[in-house]
Amino acid sequence: MMTLTELQMKDIVLMENGKKVGNVSDLEINEQNGHISAIIVTLRGKMMGLFGKEEELVVPWNQIITIGTDVILIKSPEQAPVTEVAGK
């Protein structure tokens, strides 16, 4: 078992180049089955929203390669960063 807080402390890293993308800010949960369908990642480089909206990226659960001790390794996202996540 793992808590959301534990997930939020892990760095999100791209498998292809080892680049740190950001950190988990939220989860998207399928209401029908209760499973996590995606993680919401706050992209790195934004100063906590001080200089504009934070950018977020929706990473589908099937894009996650592994969840390690310190990092979550993902495939390169195919979608562009978004500033608002549906349902927020």
N, C-alpha and C. Protein backbone atom coordinates (compact mmCIF):
# COMPACT_ATOMS: atom_id res chain seq x y z
N MET A 1 0.83 -1.19 0.00
CA MET A 1 0.00 0.00 0.00
C MET A 1 0.87 1.24 0.00
N MET A 2 0.34 2.29 -0.64
CA MET A 2 1.05 3.55 -0.71
C MET A 2 0.02 4.68 -0.61
N THR A 3 0.39 5.74 0.06
CA THR A 3 -0.52 6.88 0.21
C THR A 3 -0.23 7.93 -0.86
N LEU A 4 -1.17 8.84 -1.06
CA LEU A 4 -0.97 9.94 -2.00
C LEU A 4 0.23 10.79 -1.57
N THR A 5 0.38 11.00 -0.29
CA THR A 5 1.51 11.77 0.22
C THR A 5 2.84 11.13 -0.17
N GLU A 6 2.93 9.81 -0.08
CA GLU A 6 4.15 9.11 -0.49
C GLU A 6 4.40 9.26 -1.98
N LEU A 7 3.34 9.20 -2.79
CA LEU A 7 3.49 9.41 -4.23
C LEU A 7 3.96 10.82 -4.54
N GLN A 8 3.45 11.80 -3.82
CA GLN A 8 3.80 13.20 -4.06
C GLN A 8 5.26 13.51 -3.77
N MET A 9 5.91 12.71 -2.96
CA MET A 9 7.31 12.94 -2.61
C MET A 9 8.27 12.36 -3.66
N LYS A 10 7.75 11.59 -4.60
CA LYS A 10 8.59 10.96 -5.62
C LYS A 10 8.71 11.87 -6.84
N ASP A 11 9.89 11.88 -7.46
CA ASP A 11 10.11 12.62 -8.69
C ASP A 11 9.55 11.82 -9.86
N ILE A 12 8.95 12.52 -10.83
CA ILE A 12 8.49 11.89 -12.06
C ILE A 12 9.61 12.03 -13.08
N VAL A 13 10.09 10.90 -13.63
CA VAL A 13 11.24 10.89 -14.52
C VAL A 13 10.88 10.20 -15.83
N LEU A 14 11.31 10.79 -16.96
CA LEU A 14 11.08 10.20 -18.27
C LEU A 14 12.05 9.05 -18.50
N MET A 15 11.52 7.92 -18.93
CA MET A 15 12.33 6.73 -19.18
C MET A 15 13.35 6.98 -20.31
N GLU A 16 12.94 7.71 -21.35
CA GLU A 16 13.78 7.87 -22.54
C GLU A 16 15.06 8.65 -22.30
N ASN A 17 15.02 9.67 -21.42
CA ASN A 17 16.21 10.50 -21.26
C ASN A 17 16.60 10.79 -19.80
N GLY A 18 15.84 10.26 -18.85
CA GLY A 18 16.17 10.46 -17.44
C GLY A 18 15.83 11.84 -16.91
N LYS A 19 15.13 12.65 -17.71
CA LYS A 19 14.79 14.02 -17.30
C LYS A 19 13.68 14.02 -16.26
N LYS A 20 13.88 14.82 -15.21
CA LYS A 20 12.85 14.99 -14.20
C LYS A 20 11.77 15.92 -14.76
N VAL A 21 10.52 15.45 -14.69
CA VAL A 21 9.40 16.20 -15.24
C VAL A 21 8.73 17.06 -14.17
N GLY A 22 8.56 16.51 -12.99
CA GLY A 22 7.87 17.23 -11.93
C GLY A 22 7.49 16.27 -10.82
N ASN A 23 6.38 16.58 -10.13
CA ASN A 23 5.91 15.75 -9.02
C ASN A 23 4.41 15.55 -9.11
N VAL A 24 3.94 14.48 -8.51
CA VAL A 24 2.51 14.18 -8.48
C VAL A 24 1.80 15.24 -7.65
N SER A 25 0.75 15.81 -8.22
CA SER A 25 -0.05 16.78 -7.47
C SER A 25 -1.43 16.23 -7.15
N ASP A 26 -1.88 15.25 -7.96
CA ASP A 26 -3.23 14.73 -7.76
C ASP A 26 -3.37 13.40 -8.50
N LEU A 27 -4.49 12.75 -8.28
CA LEU A 27 -4.81 11.50 -8.96
C LEU A 27 -6.14 11.64 -9.66
N GLU A 28 -6.29 10.94 -10.77
CA GLU A 28 -7.58 10.85 -11.46
C GLU A 28 -8.10 9.44 -11.21
N ILE A 29 -9.29 9.34 -10.64
CA ILE A 29 -9.84 8.04 -10.26
C ILE A 29 -11.09 7.74 -11.08
N ASN A 30 -11.17 6.53 -11.61
CA ASN A 30 -12.35 6.07 -12.35
C ASN A 30 -13.46 5.83 -11.34
N GLU A 31 -14.55 6.57 -11.47
CA GLU A 31 -15.65 6.47 -10.51
C GLU A 31 -16.38 5.13 -10.58
N GLN A 32 -16.38 4.49 -11.76
CA GLN A 32 -17.08 3.22 -11.89
C GLN A 32 -16.40 2.08 -11.15
N ASN A 33 -15.06 2.00 -11.26
CA ASN A 33 -14.37 0.85 -10.66
C ASN A 33 -13.44 1.22 -9.50
N GLY A 34 -13.26 2.52 -9.25
CA GLY A 34 -12.42 2.95 -8.14
C GLY A 34 -10.92 2.86 -8.39
N HIS A 35 -10.51 2.53 -9.62
CA HIS A 35 -9.09 2.41 -9.95
C HIS A 35 -8.51 3.77 -10.35
N ILE A 36 -7.22 3.94 -10.12
CA ILE A 36 -6.52 5.15 -10.55
C ILE A 36 -6.36 5.07 -12.06
N SER A 37 -6.84 6.09 -12.78
CA SER A 37 -6.71 6.08 -14.23
C SER A 37 -5.54 6.95 -14.71
N ALA A 38 -5.12 7.91 -13.88
CA ALA A 38 -4.00 8.78 -14.27
C ALA A 38 -3.44 9.48 -13.05
N ILE A 39 -2.20 9.95 -13.21
CA ILE A 39 -1.62 10.83 -12.20
C ILE A 39 -1.54 12.22 -12.81
N ILE A 40 -1.74 13.23 -11.99
CA ILE A 40 -1.63 14.61 -12.42
C ILE A 40 -0.29 15.12 -11.91
N VAL A 41 0.54 15.60 -12.84
CA VAL A 41 1.90 16.02 -12.51
C VAL A 41 2.01 17.53 -12.65
N THR A 42 2.48 18.20 -11.60
CA THR A 42 2.81 19.61 -11.69
C THR A 42 4.19 19.68 -12.31
N LEU A 43 4.27 20.37 -13.45
CA LEU A 43 5.54 20.41 -14.18
C LEU A 43 6.57 21.24 -13.47
N ARG A 44 7.79 20.80 -13.57
CA ARG A 44 8.93 21.44 -12.93
C ARG A 44 9.21 22.80 -13.55
N GLY A 45 9.77 23.70 -12.77
CA GLY A 45 10.19 24.98 -13.29
C GLY A 45 9.21 26.11 -13.02
N LYS A 46 8.07 25.79 -12.48
CA LYS A 46 7.11 26.85 -12.13
C LYS A 46 7.29 27.16 -10.65
N MET A 47 7.30 28.44 -10.33
CA MET A 47 7.52 28.88 -8.95
C MET A 47 6.21 28.90 -8.17
N MET A 48 5.64 27.72 -7.95
CA MET A 48 4.44 27.58 -7.15
C MET A 48 3.32 28.52 -7.60
N GLY A 49 3.25 28.75 -8.91
CA GLY A 49 2.17 29.58 -9.45
C GLY A 49 2.39 31.07 -9.29
N LEU A 50 3.54 31.50 -8.78
CA LEU A 50 3.78 32.92 -8.55
C LEU A 50 3.88 33.72 -9.85
N PHE A 51 4.38 33.07 -10.91
CA PHE A 51 4.59 33.77 -12.18
C PHE A 51 3.63 33.27 -13.24
N GLY A 52 2.41 33.03 -12.87
CA GLY A 52 1.42 32.50 -13.79
C GLY A 52 0.90 31.18 -13.29
N LYS A 53 -0.02 30.60 -14.05
CA LYS A 53 -0.60 29.32 -13.65
C LYS A 53 0.44 28.21 -13.72
N GLU A 54 0.36 27.30 -12.76
CA GLU A 54 1.20 26.12 -12.83
C GLU A 54 0.72 25.28 -13.99
N GLU A 55 1.65 24.65 -14.69
CA GLU A 55 1.27 23.75 -15.76
C GLU A 55 1.18 22.35 -15.21
N GLU A 56 0.16 21.64 -15.66
CA GLU A 56 -0.04 20.27 -15.22
C GLU A 56 -0.09 19.35 -16.42
N LEU A 57 0.30 18.13 -16.19
CA LEU A 57 0.32 17.10 -17.22
C LEU A 57 -0.44 15.90 -16.69
N VAL A 58 -1.35 15.37 -17.50
CA VAL A 58 -2.08 14.16 -17.13
C VAL A 58 -1.33 12.98 -17.72
N VAL A 59 -0.86 12.09 -16.84
CA VAL A 59 -0.13 10.89 -17.27
C VAL A 59 -1.01 9.68 -17.03
N PRO A 60 -1.54 9.06 -18.11
CA PRO A 60 -2.37 7.87 -17.94
C PRO A 60 -1.61 6.78 -17.18
N TRP A 61 -2.33 6.03 -16.38
CA TRP A 61 -1.72 4.99 -15.55
C TRP A 61 -0.89 4.02 -16.38
N ASN A 62 -1.34 3.73 -17.61
CA ASN A 62 -0.60 2.77 -18.45
C ASN A 62 0.71 3.34 -19.00
N GLN A 63 0.98 4.63 -18.77
CA GLN A 63 2.26 5.23 -19.17
C GLN A 63 3.32 5.09 -18.07
N ILE A 64 2.91 4.62 -16.89
CA ILE A 64 3.85 4.44 -15.78
C ILE A 64 4.58 3.11 -15.97
N ILE A 65 5.91 3.18 -15.99
CA ILE A 65 6.74 1.98 -16.14
C ILE A 65 6.91 1.30 -14.79
N THR A 66 7.33 2.07 -13.80
CA THR A 66 7.54 1.52 -12.46
C THR A 66 7.47 2.64 -11.42
N ILE A 67 7.12 2.26 -10.21
CA ILE A 67 7.14 3.18 -9.07
C ILE A 67 8.21 2.67 -8.13
N GLY A 68 9.30 3.44 -8.04
CA GLY A 68 10.42 3.03 -7.20
C GLY A 68 10.41 3.73 -5.86
N THR A 69 11.50 3.59 -5.15
CA THR A 69 11.64 4.19 -3.83
C THR A 69 11.59 5.71 -3.88
N ASP A 70 12.30 6.29 -4.87
CA ASP A 70 12.40 7.75 -4.96
C ASP A 70 11.78 8.35 -6.20
N VAL A 71 11.54 7.52 -7.23
CA VAL A 71 11.05 8.05 -8.50
C VAL A 71 9.90 7.22 -9.06
N ILE A 72 9.13 7.87 -9.94
CA ILE A 72 8.13 7.20 -10.75
C ILE A 72 8.62 7.35 -12.18
N LEU A 73 8.92 6.24 -12.82
CA LEU A 73 9.45 6.22 -14.18
C LEU A 73 8.29 6.12 -15.16
N ILE A 74 8.21 7.07 -16.11
CA ILE A 74 7.10 7.08 -17.06
C ILE A 74 7.62 7.09 -18.50
N LYS A 75 6.75 6.64 -19.43
CA LYS A 75 7.02 6.80 -20.86
C LYS A 75 6.78 8.26 -21.19
N SER A 76 7.40 8.75 -22.27
CA SER A 76 7.16 10.13 -22.68
C SER A 76 5.69 10.34 -22.95
N PRO A 77 5.12 11.36 -22.35
CA PRO A 77 3.69 11.64 -22.56
C PRO A 77 3.43 12.05 -24.00
N GLU A 78 2.32 11.61 -24.54
CA GLU A 78 1.96 11.95 -25.91
C GLU A 78 1.11 13.21 -25.98
N GLN A 79 0.64 13.67 -24.83
CA GLN A 79 -0.20 14.85 -24.84
C GLN A 79 0.58 16.06 -24.34
N ALA A 80 0.20 17.22 -24.80
CA ALA A 80 0.86 18.45 -24.39
C ALA A 80 0.45 18.84 -22.98
N PRO A 81 1.30 19.58 -22.28
CA PRO A 81 0.93 20.06 -20.94
C PRO A 81 -0.35 20.88 -20.99
N VAL A 82 -1.12 20.80 -19.94
CA VAL A 82 -2.36 21.56 -19.85
C VAL A 82 -2.30 22.42 -18.61
N THR A 83 -3.06 23.51 -18.59
CA THR A 83 -3.05 24.37 -17.42
C THR A 83 -4.22 24.07 -16.49
N GLU A 84 -5.24 23.42 -17.00
CA GLU A 84 -6.36 23.05 -16.17
C GLU A 84 -6.68 21.57 -16.40
N VAL A 85 -7.05 20.89 -15.34
CA VAL A 85 -7.39 19.48 -15.42
C VAL A 85 -8.89 19.37 -15.27
N ALA A 86 -9.51 18.54 -16.11
CA ALA A 86 -10.96 18.37 -16.06
C ALA A 86 -11.40 17.99 -14.66
N GLY A 87 -12.47 18.58 -14.21
CA GLY A 87 -13.01 18.26 -12.89
C GLY A 87 -12.44 19.09 -11.77
N LYS A 88 -11.52 19.98 -12.06
CA LYS A 88 -10.94 20.83 -11.01
C LYS A 88 -11.61 22.16 -10.99
